[in-house]
N, C-alpha and C. Protein backbone atom coordinates (compact mmCIF):
# COMPACT_ATOMS: atom_id res chain seq x y z
N UNK A 1 -17.85 0.97 0.88
CA UNK A 1 -16.69 0.12 1.05
C UNK A 1 -15.46 1.01 1.33
N UNK A 2 -14.64 0.54 2.27
CA UNK A 2 -13.41 1.24 2.59
C UNK A 2 -12.29 0.27 2.63
N UNK A 3 -11.13 0.66 2.12
CA UNK A 3 -9.97 -0.24 2.15
C UNK A 3 -8.96 0.26 3.20
N UNK A 4 -8.29 -0.67 3.79
CA UNK A 4 -7.21 -0.40 4.72
C UNK A 4 -5.89 -0.69 4.05
N UNK A 5 -4.94 0.31 4.08
CA UNK A 5 -3.61 0.14 3.51
C UNK A 5 -2.62 0.03 4.66
N UNK A 6 -1.74 -0.93 4.50
CA UNK A 6 -0.69 -1.10 5.47
C UNK A 6 0.61 -1.45 4.67
N UNK A 7 1.71 -0.91 5.18
CA UNK A 7 2.99 -1.24 4.55
C UNK A 7 3.86 -1.94 5.60
N UNK A 8 4.33 -3.09 5.22
CA UNK A 8 5.20 -3.90 6.08
C UNK A 8 6.61 -3.24 6.05
N UNK A 9 6.90 -2.46 7.08
CA UNK A 9 8.17 -1.68 7.07
C UNK A 9 9.37 -2.60 7.14
N UNK A 10 9.22 -3.83 7.60
CA UNK A 10 10.33 -4.79 7.58
C UNK A 10 10.62 -5.28 6.19
N UNK A 11 9.59 -5.37 5.37
CA UNK A 11 9.76 -5.85 3.98
C UNK A 11 10.08 -4.71 3.03
N UNK A 12 9.65 -3.49 3.31
CA UNK A 12 9.84 -2.36 2.45
C UNK A 12 11.34 -1.99 2.36
N UNK A 13 11.82 -1.84 1.17
CA UNK A 13 13.23 -1.38 0.98
C UNK A 13 13.30 0.00 0.41
N UNK A 14 12.16 0.73 0.38
CA UNK A 14 12.16 2.09 -0.03
C UNK A 14 12.50 2.37 -1.50
N UNK A 15 12.02 1.47 -2.39
CA UNK A 15 12.27 1.70 -3.81
C UNK A 15 11.59 2.95 -4.33
N UNK A 16 10.52 3.34 -3.67
CA UNK A 16 9.80 4.58 -4.03
C UNK A 16 8.85 4.47 -5.20
N UNK A 17 8.65 3.23 -5.72
CA UNK A 17 7.68 3.09 -6.83
C UNK A 17 6.29 3.54 -6.42
N UNK A 18 5.86 3.17 -5.22
CA UNK A 18 4.50 3.53 -4.81
C UNK A 18 4.40 5.05 -4.63
N UNK A 19 5.38 5.65 -3.97
CA UNK A 19 5.39 7.11 -3.74
C UNK A 19 5.51 7.85 -5.10
N UNK A 20 6.32 7.35 -5.96
CA UNK A 20 6.51 8.01 -7.24
C UNK A 20 5.27 8.02 -8.14
N UNK A 21 4.52 6.93 -8.07
CA UNK A 21 3.33 6.86 -8.90
C UNK A 21 2.06 7.38 -8.19
N UNK A 22 2.00 7.25 -6.88
CA UNK A 22 0.83 7.67 -6.12
C UNK A 22 1.18 8.48 -4.87
N UNK A 23 1.74 9.67 -5.07
CA UNK A 23 2.13 10.46 -3.90
C UNK A 23 1.01 10.87 -3.00
N UNK A 24 -0.23 10.84 -3.48
CA UNK A 24 -1.36 11.18 -2.67
C UNK A 24 -1.69 10.03 -1.66
N UNK A 25 -1.20 8.85 -1.97
CA UNK A 25 -1.49 7.67 -1.14
C UNK A 25 -0.27 7.13 -0.36
N UNK A 26 0.95 7.42 -0.83
CA UNK A 26 2.15 6.90 -0.20
C UNK A 26 3.22 7.95 -0.03
N UNK A 27 3.95 7.89 1.06
CA UNK A 27 5.09 8.80 1.28
C UNK A 27 6.24 7.95 1.85
N UNK A 28 7.42 8.52 1.67
CA UNK A 28 8.62 7.85 2.21
C UNK A 28 8.96 8.55 3.50
N UNK A 29 9.17 7.83 4.56
CA UNK A 29 9.58 8.36 5.85
C UNK A 29 10.75 7.49 6.31
N UNK A 30 11.89 8.13 6.56
CA UNK A 30 13.10 7.45 6.97
C UNK A 30 13.45 6.32 6.02
N UNK A 31 13.24 6.51 4.71
CA UNK A 31 13.60 5.58 3.74
C UNK A 31 12.65 4.43 3.54
N UNK A 32 11.49 4.48 4.17
CA UNK A 32 10.47 3.41 4.05
C UNK A 32 9.16 4.03 3.66
N UNK A 33 8.36 3.29 2.90
CA UNK A 33 7.01 3.75 2.49
C UNK A 33 6.06 3.61 3.65
N UNK A 34 5.09 4.52 3.65
CA UNK A 34 3.96 4.40 4.55
C UNK A 34 2.75 5.04 3.89
N UNK A 35 1.55 4.60 4.21
CA UNK A 35 0.37 5.22 3.57
C UNK A 35 0.16 6.61 4.12
N UNK A 36 -0.29 7.52 3.29
CA UNK A 36 -0.66 8.86 3.73
C UNK A 36 -1.86 8.75 4.64
N UNK A 37 -2.85 7.98 4.26
CA UNK A 37 -4.01 7.69 5.10
C UNK A 37 -4.19 6.18 5.14
N UNK A 38 -4.47 5.64 6.35
CA UNK A 38 -4.57 4.17 6.45
C UNK A 38 -5.85 3.66 5.84
N UNK A 39 -6.87 4.50 5.70
CA UNK A 39 -8.17 4.06 5.12
C UNK A 39 -8.49 4.94 3.93
N UNK A 40 -8.90 4.25 2.83
CA UNK A 40 -9.22 4.98 1.61
C UNK A 40 -10.47 4.39 0.96
N UNK A 41 -11.03 5.17 0.05
CA UNK A 41 -12.06 4.65 -0.81
C UNK A 41 -11.40 3.71 -1.81
N UNK A 42 -12.07 2.67 -2.33
CA UNK A 42 -11.45 1.81 -3.27
C UNK A 42 -10.83 2.53 -4.48
N UNK A 43 -9.64 2.09 -4.84
CA UNK A 43 -8.91 2.78 -5.90
C UNK A 43 -8.04 1.71 -6.58
N UNK A 44 -8.33 1.41 -7.81
CA UNK A 44 -7.58 0.37 -8.59
C UNK A 44 -6.09 0.70 -8.70
N UNK A 45 -5.76 2.00 -8.73
CA UNK A 45 -4.40 2.37 -8.85
C UNK A 45 -3.57 1.95 -7.59
N UNK A 46 -4.21 1.95 -6.44
CA UNK A 46 -3.53 1.52 -5.21
C UNK A 46 -3.33 0.01 -5.24
N UNK A 47 -4.28 -0.73 -5.84
CA UNK A 47 -4.06 -2.18 -5.98
C UNK A 47 -2.86 -2.43 -6.93
N UNK A 48 -2.79 -1.63 -7.99
CA UNK A 48 -1.66 -1.77 -8.93
C UNK A 48 -0.35 -1.48 -8.24
N UNK A 49 -0.33 -0.43 -7.35
CA UNK A 49 0.91 -0.13 -6.64
C UNK A 49 1.32 -1.33 -5.75
N UNK A 50 0.35 -1.94 -5.15
CA UNK A 50 0.67 -3.11 -4.29
C UNK A 50 1.23 -4.25 -5.14
N UNK A 51 0.62 -4.46 -6.32
CA UNK A 51 1.10 -5.49 -7.22
C UNK A 51 2.48 -5.23 -7.76
N UNK A 52 2.81 -3.95 -7.99
CA UNK A 52 4.11 -3.61 -8.57
C UNK A 52 5.22 -3.44 -7.53
N UNK A 53 4.88 -3.44 -6.29
CA UNK A 53 5.89 -3.29 -5.25
C UNK A 53 6.85 -4.48 -5.33
N UNK A 54 8.13 -4.23 -5.55
CA UNK A 54 9.08 -5.36 -5.75
C UNK A 54 9.29 -6.17 -4.49
N UNK A 55 8.88 -5.68 -3.35
CA UNK A 55 9.09 -6.39 -2.10
C UNK A 55 7.77 -6.90 -1.51
N UNK A 56 6.68 -6.68 -2.25
CA UNK A 56 5.34 -7.10 -1.79
C UNK A 56 5.05 -6.62 -0.35
N UNK A 57 5.43 -5.38 -0.11
CA UNK A 57 5.31 -4.82 1.20
C UNK A 57 3.95 -4.09 1.50
N UNK A 58 3.20 -3.85 0.42
CA UNK A 58 1.93 -3.15 0.56
C UNK A 58 0.79 -4.16 0.70
N UNK A 59 0.03 -4.05 1.76
CA UNK A 59 -1.09 -4.90 2.03
C UNK A 59 -2.38 -4.10 2.06
N UNK A 60 -3.39 -4.59 1.36
CA UNK A 60 -4.67 -3.92 1.31
C UNK A 60 -5.76 -4.87 1.70
N UNK A 61 -6.65 -4.44 2.58
CA UNK A 61 -7.76 -5.28 3.00
C UNK A 61 -9.06 -4.44 2.92
N UNK A 62 -10.12 -5.18 2.70
CA UNK A 62 -11.46 -4.57 2.79
C UNK A 62 -11.81 -4.45 4.25
N UNK A 63 -12.04 -3.23 4.73
CA UNK A 63 -12.28 -3.05 6.17
C UNK A 63 -13.56 -3.76 6.63
N UNK A 64 -14.54 -3.84 5.77
CA UNK A 64 -15.82 -4.43 6.23
C UNK A 64 -15.73 -5.98 6.37
N UNK A 65 -14.98 -6.60 5.42
CA UNK A 65 -14.96 -8.08 5.43
C UNK A 65 -13.63 -8.65 5.92
N UNK A 66 -12.55 -7.86 5.94
CA UNK A 66 -11.28 -8.34 6.28
C UNK A 66 -10.59 -9.09 5.15
N UNK A 67 -11.23 -9.07 3.98
CA UNK A 67 -10.67 -9.80 2.83
C UNK A 67 -9.38 -9.17 2.34
N UNK A 68 -8.37 -9.98 2.11
CA UNK A 68 -7.12 -9.49 1.57
C UNK A 68 -7.33 -9.19 0.11
N UNK A 69 -6.95 -7.98 -0.31
CA UNK A 69 -7.13 -7.58 -1.72
C UNK A 69 -5.81 -7.51 -2.47
N UNK A 70 -4.67 -7.45 -1.78
CA UNK A 70 -3.36 -7.38 -2.45
C UNK A 70 -2.26 -7.81 -1.53
N UNK A 71 -1.20 -8.26 -2.14
CA UNK A 71 0.03 -8.62 -1.47
C UNK A 71 -0.19 -9.59 -0.30
N UNK A 72 -0.83 -10.70 -0.63
CA UNK A 72 -1.09 -11.66 0.42
C UNK A 72 -0.12 -12.85 0.40
N UNK A 73 0.91 -12.82 -0.45
CA UNK A 73 1.83 -13.99 -0.49
C UNK A 73 2.97 -13.80 0.46
């Protein structure tokens, strides 16, 4: 199983929570978050980062099924 991480740069306000807690998965570029790698092995901490994003800008999907795993509202 592989997950796809995407950050909605229009929704991201660069709070840095994702980068601060998971710098191996997220970085800030021009004041906005972006994934270090767009595809990762499943990682519950990444789901937590998506849940804690105050702007719900982190979207995670299962690459095999297309199922939304986080930030679908």
